[in-house]
Amino acid sequence: MTDAKTTAATYFDAWKARDFARLRSVLADDVDFDGPLARVQGGDDCLKGLQGMAQIMTGLDVRKVFLDRSDVLTWFDLATSVADTVPVANWMHVEDGKITQIKVVFDARGIAGGSG
């Protein structure tokens, strides 16, 4: 069984590498994603959202990872082609090596087209 920290690392490594097959492999089929730009359910829809963000993502720098059993909180800087770099808090819950829940918090005004 893969531990939660390894699963979270795979998520971020695959996303940065734009290895979407590998990224999808750690998402549960019924994953629930909730963030400032979207709320989606299901692995395929979650992946589509991450692919969309990858189109504007120019960098992702993980600053800190906190682990509490099946929960992983990752603090990272997200750089995009459309806004200044933004700090992001990403919480995920992992069961049996699959991410079942993701909640993301960041100031999305610049990315969404507002003033930042």
N, C-alpha and C. Protein backbone atom coordinates (compact mmCIF):
# COMPACT_ATOMS: atom_id res chain seq x y z
N MET A 1 0.84 -1.18 0.00
CA MET A 1 0.00 0.00 0.00
C MET A 1 0.89 1.24 0.00
N THR A 2 0.54 2.21 -0.83
CA THR A 2 1.28 3.47 -0.93
C THR A 2 0.82 4.41 0.18
N ASP A 3 1.77 5.07 0.85
CA ASP A 3 1.37 5.99 1.91
C ASP A 3 0.89 7.31 1.30
N ALA A 4 0.21 8.11 2.12
CA ALA A 4 -0.41 9.34 1.66
C ALA A 4 0.62 10.35 1.15
N LYS A 5 1.76 10.44 1.82
CA LYS A 5 2.77 11.41 1.40
C LYS A 5 3.33 11.06 0.02
N THR A 6 3.54 9.78 -0.24
CA THR A 6 4.03 9.34 -1.54
C THR A 6 2.99 9.60 -2.62
N THR A 7 1.73 9.34 -2.32
CA THR A 7 0.65 9.60 -3.27
C THR A 7 0.58 11.08 -3.61
N ALA A 8 0.67 11.93 -2.59
CA ALA A 8 0.64 13.38 -2.81
C ALA A 8 1.84 13.82 -3.66
N ALA A 9 3.00 13.27 -3.37
CA ALA A 9 4.20 13.62 -4.15
C ALA A 9 4.03 13.22 -5.61
N THR A 10 3.44 12.05 -5.85
CA THR A 10 3.18 11.60 -7.22
C THR A 10 2.25 12.56 -7.93
N TYR A 11 1.21 13.01 -7.24
CA TYR A 11 0.25 13.99 -7.79
C TYR A 11 0.98 15.23 -8.28
N PHE A 12 1.80 15.82 -7.41
CA PHE A 12 2.49 17.05 -7.77
C PHE A 12 3.57 16.82 -8.83
N ASP A 13 4.33 15.75 -8.70
CA ASP A 13 5.37 15.44 -9.69
C ASP A 13 4.77 15.21 -11.07
N ALA A 14 3.68 14.45 -11.12
CA ALA A 14 3.03 14.16 -12.41
C ALA A 14 2.41 15.42 -13.01
N TRP A 15 1.80 16.24 -12.17
CA TRP A 15 1.18 17.48 -12.66
C TRP A 15 2.25 18.40 -13.24
N LYS A 16 3.36 18.58 -12.51
CA LYS A 16 4.45 19.43 -13.00
C LYS A 16 5.01 18.90 -14.31
N ALA A 17 5.13 17.58 -14.43
CA ALA A 17 5.69 16.95 -15.64
C ALA A 17 4.67 16.84 -16.77
N ARG A 18 3.42 17.19 -16.46
CA ARG A 18 2.32 17.06 -17.41
C ARG A 18 2.16 15.60 -17.87
N ASP A 19 2.40 14.72 -16.91
CA ASP A 19 2.22 13.28 -17.13
C ASP A 19 0.82 12.93 -16.63
N PHE A 20 -0.16 13.15 -17.49
CA PHE A 20 -1.54 13.07 -17.06
C PHE A 20 -2.03 11.65 -16.82
N ALA A 21 -1.45 10.68 -17.48
CA ALA A 21 -1.81 9.28 -17.19
C ALA A 21 -1.36 8.92 -15.77
N ARG A 22 -0.17 9.33 -15.41
CA ARG A 22 0.33 9.07 -14.05
C ARG A 22 -0.49 9.85 -13.02
N LEU A 23 -0.83 11.09 -13.34
CA LEU A 23 -1.65 11.90 -12.44
C LEU A 23 -3.01 11.24 -12.23
N ARG A 24 -3.62 10.79 -13.30
CA ARG A 24 -4.95 10.14 -13.18
C ARG A 24 -4.86 8.87 -12.34
N SER A 25 -3.71 8.20 -12.36
CA SER A 25 -3.57 6.93 -11.64
C SER A 25 -3.66 7.09 -10.12
N VAL A 26 -3.45 8.30 -9.60
CA VAL A 26 -3.55 8.50 -8.15
C VAL A 26 -4.87 9.16 -7.74
N LEU A 27 -5.73 9.46 -8.71
CA LEU A 27 -7.04 10.03 -8.41
C LEU A 27 -8.08 8.92 -8.31
N ALA A 28 -8.82 8.91 -7.22
CA ALA A 28 -9.92 7.95 -7.10
C ALA A 28 -10.98 8.28 -8.15
N ASP A 29 -11.71 7.27 -8.59
CA ASP A 29 -12.75 7.50 -9.59
C ASP A 29 -13.81 8.48 -9.10
N ASP A 30 -14.02 8.53 -7.78
CA ASP A 30 -15.04 9.40 -7.21
C ASP A 30 -14.43 10.58 -6.43
N VAL A 31 -13.23 10.99 -6.81
CA VAL A 31 -12.56 12.10 -6.12
C VAL A 31 -13.44 13.35 -6.14
N ASP A 32 -13.42 14.08 -5.04
CA ASP A 32 -14.17 15.32 -4.89
C ASP A 32 -13.15 16.45 -4.82
N PHE A 33 -13.18 17.37 -5.79
CA PHE A 33 -12.26 18.50 -5.85
C PHE A 33 -13.03 19.78 -5.61
N ASP A 34 -12.51 20.62 -4.68
CA ASP A 34 -13.15 21.89 -4.37
C ASP A 34 -12.07 22.97 -4.29
N GLY A 35 -12.15 23.96 -5.17
CA GLY A 35 -11.18 25.05 -5.19
C GLY A 35 -11.84 26.35 -5.59
N PRO A 36 -11.07 27.44 -5.60
CA PRO A 36 -11.65 28.75 -5.90
C PRO A 36 -12.11 28.92 -7.35
N LEU A 37 -11.61 28.09 -8.25
CA LEU A 37 -11.99 28.21 -9.66
C LEU A 37 -12.98 27.15 -10.12
N ALA A 38 -13.15 26.09 -9.33
CA ALA A 38 -14.05 25.02 -9.75
C ALA A 38 -14.35 24.07 -8.60
N ARG A 39 -15.48 23.42 -8.74
CA ARG A 39 -15.83 22.30 -7.87
C ARG A 39 -16.25 21.17 -8.81
N VAL A 40 -15.55 20.04 -8.75
CA VAL A 40 -15.86 18.92 -9.63
C VAL A 40 -15.82 17.62 -8.85
N GLN A 41 -16.51 16.64 -9.39
CA GLN A 41 -16.49 15.30 -8.81
C GLN A 41 -16.14 14.31 -9.91
N GLY A 42 -15.32 13.34 -9.54
CA GLY A 42 -14.93 12.30 -10.47
C GLY A 42 -13.51 12.50 -10.98
N GLY A 43 -12.82 11.40 -11.13
CA GLY A 43 -11.42 11.44 -11.54
C GLY A 43 -11.19 12.07 -12.89
N ASP A 44 -12.05 11.78 -13.84
CA ASP A 44 -11.86 12.33 -15.19
C ASP A 44 -12.08 13.83 -15.22
N ASP A 45 -13.12 14.32 -14.53
CA ASP A 45 -13.38 15.75 -14.50
C ASP A 45 -12.31 16.50 -13.71
N CYS A 46 -11.84 15.89 -12.64
CA CYS A 46 -10.74 16.48 -11.87
C CYS A 46 -9.50 16.60 -12.74
N LEU A 47 -9.20 15.56 -13.48
CA LEU A 47 -8.05 15.57 -14.36
C LEU A 47 -8.17 16.66 -15.42
N LYS A 48 -9.37 16.84 -15.99
CA LYS A 48 -9.58 17.88 -17.00
C LYS A 48 -9.26 19.25 -16.41
N GLY A 49 -9.68 19.50 -15.18
CA GLY A 49 -9.38 20.77 -14.54
C GLY A 49 -7.89 20.97 -14.33
N LEU A 50 -7.20 19.92 -13.90
CA LEU A 50 -5.75 20.01 -13.70
C LEU A 50 -5.02 20.19 -15.03
N GLN A 51 -5.53 19.57 -16.08
CA GLN A 51 -4.94 19.76 -17.41
C GLN A 51 -5.14 21.20 -17.86
N GLY A 52 -6.30 21.77 -17.58
CA GLY A 52 -6.56 23.16 -17.95
C GLY A 52 -5.61 24.11 -17.22
N MET A 53 -5.41 23.88 -15.93
CA MET A 53 -4.49 24.71 -15.16
C MET A 53 -3.06 24.53 -15.66
N ALA A 54 -2.72 23.32 -16.07
CA ALA A 54 -1.36 23.05 -16.58
C ALA A 54 -1.07 23.86 -17.84
N GLN A 55 -2.10 24.22 -18.60
CA GLN A 55 -1.89 25.00 -19.82
C GLN A 55 -1.35 26.38 -19.52
N ILE A 56 -1.66 26.93 -18.34
CA ILE A 56 -1.15 28.26 -17.98
C ILE A 56 -0.06 28.20 -16.91
N MET A 57 0.16 27.03 -16.35
CA MET A 57 1.15 26.87 -15.28
C MET A 57 2.56 26.92 -15.86
N THR A 58 3.38 27.79 -15.28
CA THR A 58 4.78 27.89 -15.70
C THR A 58 5.74 27.39 -14.63
N GLY A 59 5.21 27.12 -13.45
CA GLY A 59 6.04 26.59 -12.38
C GLY A 59 5.21 26.21 -11.18
N LEU A 60 5.72 25.27 -10.42
CA LEU A 60 5.08 24.82 -9.20
C LEU A 60 6.20 24.46 -8.23
N ASP A 61 6.30 25.21 -7.15
CA ASP A 61 7.39 25.02 -6.20
C ASP A 61 6.82 24.65 -4.84
N VAL A 62 6.93 23.37 -4.48
CA VAL A 62 6.44 22.91 -3.18
C VAL A 62 7.34 23.45 -2.09
N ARG A 63 6.72 24.15 -1.13
CA ARG A 63 7.46 24.75 -0.02
C ARG A 63 7.46 23.89 1.23
N LYS A 64 6.32 23.25 1.52
CA LYS A 64 6.21 22.47 2.75
C LYS A 64 5.10 21.44 2.60
N VAL A 65 5.32 20.26 3.18
CA VAL A 65 4.33 19.20 3.18
C VAL A 65 4.09 18.76 4.62
N PHE A 66 2.84 18.72 5.02
CA PHE A 66 2.44 18.29 6.35
C PHE A 66 1.61 17.03 6.22
N LEU A 67 1.93 16.02 7.01
CA LEU A 67 1.26 14.72 6.93
C LEU A 67 0.58 14.41 8.26
N ASP A 68 -0.68 13.98 8.19
CA ASP A 68 -1.42 13.51 9.35
C ASP A 68 -2.20 12.27 8.92
N ARG A 69 -1.55 11.13 9.06
CA ARG A 69 -2.11 9.82 8.66
C ARG A 69 -2.51 9.82 7.19
N SER A 70 -3.79 9.91 6.90
CA SER A 70 -4.27 9.85 5.51
C SER A 70 -4.48 11.22 4.89
N ASP A 71 -4.12 12.26 5.61
CA ASP A 71 -4.30 13.63 5.13
C ASP A 71 -2.95 14.27 4.87
N VAL A 72 -2.87 15.00 3.75
CA VAL A 72 -1.64 15.69 3.37
C VAL A 72 -1.99 17.13 3.04
N LEU A 73 -1.30 18.06 3.68
CA LEU A 73 -1.45 19.47 3.38
C LEU A 73 -0.15 19.93 2.73
N THR A 74 -0.26 20.46 1.53
CA THR A 74 0.91 20.92 0.78
C THR A 74 0.79 22.42 0.56
N TRP A 75 1.84 23.13 0.93
CA TRP A 75 1.94 24.57 0.69
C TRP A 75 2.89 24.75 -0.49
N PHE A 76 2.41 25.39 -1.56
CA PHE A 76 3.27 25.58 -2.73
C PHE A 76 3.02 26.91 -3.40
N ASP A 77 3.99 27.33 -4.20
CA ASP A 77 3.86 28.53 -5.02
C ASP A 77 3.51 28.09 -6.43
N LEU A 78 2.46 28.70 -6.98
CA LEU A 78 2.01 28.39 -8.32
C LEU A 78 2.30 29.58 -9.23
N ALA A 79 3.13 29.37 -10.23
CA ALA A 79 3.44 30.40 -11.22
C ALA A 79 2.64 30.11 -12.49
N THR A 80 2.08 31.17 -13.05
CA THR A 80 1.30 31.02 -14.29
C THR A 80 1.71 32.09 -15.28
N SER A 81 1.27 31.89 -16.51
CA SER A 81 1.54 32.86 -17.57
C SER A 81 0.54 34.02 -17.55
N VAL A 82 -0.47 33.96 -16.68
CA VAL A 82 -1.52 34.97 -16.69
C VAL A 82 -1.57 35.84 -15.43
N ALA A 83 -0.77 35.50 -14.41
CA ALA A 83 -0.83 36.26 -13.15
C ALA A 83 0.48 36.10 -12.40
N ASP A 84 0.64 36.92 -11.39
CA ASP A 84 1.79 36.78 -10.51
C ASP A 84 1.73 35.44 -9.79
N THR A 85 2.88 34.98 -9.34
CA THR A 85 2.94 33.74 -8.56
C THR A 85 2.06 33.86 -7.32
N VAL A 86 1.33 32.81 -7.04
CA VAL A 86 0.39 32.83 -5.92
C VAL A 86 0.69 31.66 -4.98
N PRO A 87 0.67 31.91 -3.66
CA PRO A 87 0.81 30.81 -2.71
C PRO A 87 -0.50 30.02 -2.63
N VAL A 88 -0.36 28.69 -2.52
CA VAL A 88 -1.53 27.80 -2.54
C VAL A 88 -1.44 26.82 -1.37
N ALA A 89 -2.56 26.61 -0.72
CA ALA A 89 -2.69 25.53 0.27
C ALA A 89 -3.56 24.45 -0.36
N ASN A 90 -3.07 23.22 -0.37
CA ASN A 90 -3.76 22.09 -0.99
C ASN A 90 -3.85 20.98 0.05
N TRP A 91 -5.08 20.65 0.45
CA TRP A 91 -5.31 19.53 1.37
C TRP A 91 -5.89 18.37 0.57
N MET A 92 -5.36 17.19 0.81
CA MET A 92 -5.93 16.01 0.17
C MET A 92 -6.04 14.86 1.16
N HIS A 93 -7.05 14.05 0.93
CA HIS A 93 -7.26 12.84 1.72
C HIS A 93 -6.99 11.65 0.81
N VAL A 94 -6.23 10.68 1.33
CA VAL A 94 -5.82 9.52 0.55
C VAL A 94 -6.32 8.25 1.22
N GLU A 95 -6.90 7.38 0.42
CA GLU A 95 -7.34 6.05 0.88
C GLU A 95 -6.83 5.01 -0.10
N ASP A 96 -6.14 4.01 0.40
CA ASP A 96 -5.63 2.91 -0.42
C ASP A 96 -4.83 3.40 -1.63
N GLY A 97 -4.01 4.44 -1.40
CA GLY A 97 -3.14 4.94 -2.46
C GLY A 97 -3.82 5.83 -3.49
N LYS A 98 -5.09 6.17 -3.26
CA LYS A 98 -5.84 7.03 -4.19
C LYS A 98 -6.33 8.29 -3.46
N ILE A 99 -6.27 9.39 -4.14
CA ILE A 99 -6.76 10.65 -3.58
C ILE A 99 -8.27 10.69 -3.72
N THR A 100 -8.97 10.84 -2.59
CA THR A 100 -10.43 10.84 -2.61
C THR A 100 -11.03 12.23 -2.44
N GLN A 101 -10.25 13.14 -1.85
CA GLN A 101 -10.72 14.52 -1.66
C GLN A 101 -9.55 15.48 -1.83
N ILE A 102 -9.85 16.61 -2.47
CA ILE A 102 -8.87 17.68 -2.62
C ILE A 102 -9.59 19.00 -2.36
N LYS A 103 -9.02 19.80 -1.49
CA LYS A 103 -9.52 21.15 -1.26
C LYS A 103 -8.34 22.09 -1.43
N VAL A 104 -8.53 23.11 -2.26
CA VAL A 104 -7.46 24.04 -2.61
C VAL A 104 -7.90 25.45 -2.25
N VAL A 105 -6.97 26.22 -1.65
CA VAL A 105 -7.27 27.59 -1.28
C VAL A 105 -6.14 28.49 -1.78
N PHE A 106 -6.52 29.53 -2.54
CA PHE A 106 -5.57 30.54 -2.97
C PHE A 106 -6.35 31.75 -3.46
N ASP A 107 -5.67 32.88 -3.58
CA ASP A 107 -6.27 34.09 -4.11
C ASP A 107 -6.30 33.97 -5.63
N ALA A 108 -7.47 33.72 -6.18
CA ALA A 108 -7.61 33.43 -7.61
C ALA A 108 -7.89 34.66 -8.46
N ARG A 109 -7.90 35.84 -7.87
CA ARG A 109 -8.29 37.04 -8.63
C ARG A 109 -7.45 37.24 -9.89
N GLY A 110 -6.14 37.11 -9.79
CA GLY A 110 -5.29 37.32 -10.95
C GLY A 110 -5.50 36.26 -12.02
N ILE A 111 -5.60 35.02 -11.60
CA ILE A 111 -5.78 33.91 -12.55
C ILE A 111 -7.15 33.98 -13.21
N ALA A 112 -8.16 34.40 -12.45
CA ALA A 112 -9.51 34.47 -12.98
C ALA A 112 -9.75 35.74 -13.80
N GLY A 113 -8.72 36.62 -13.88
CA GLY A 113 -8.85 37.81 -14.71
C GLY A 113 -9.14 39.08 -13.95
N GLY A 114 -9.23 38.99 -12.62
CA GLY A 114 -9.46 40.20 -11.82
C GLY A 114 -8.16 40.87 -11.48
N SER A 115 -8.25 41.91 -10.70
CA SER A 115 -7.02 42.57 -10.26
C SER A 115 -6.52 41.89 -9.00
N GLY A 116 -5.20 41.72 -8.93
CA GLY A 116 -4.66 40.93 -7.86
C GLY A 116 -3.94 41.67 -6.83
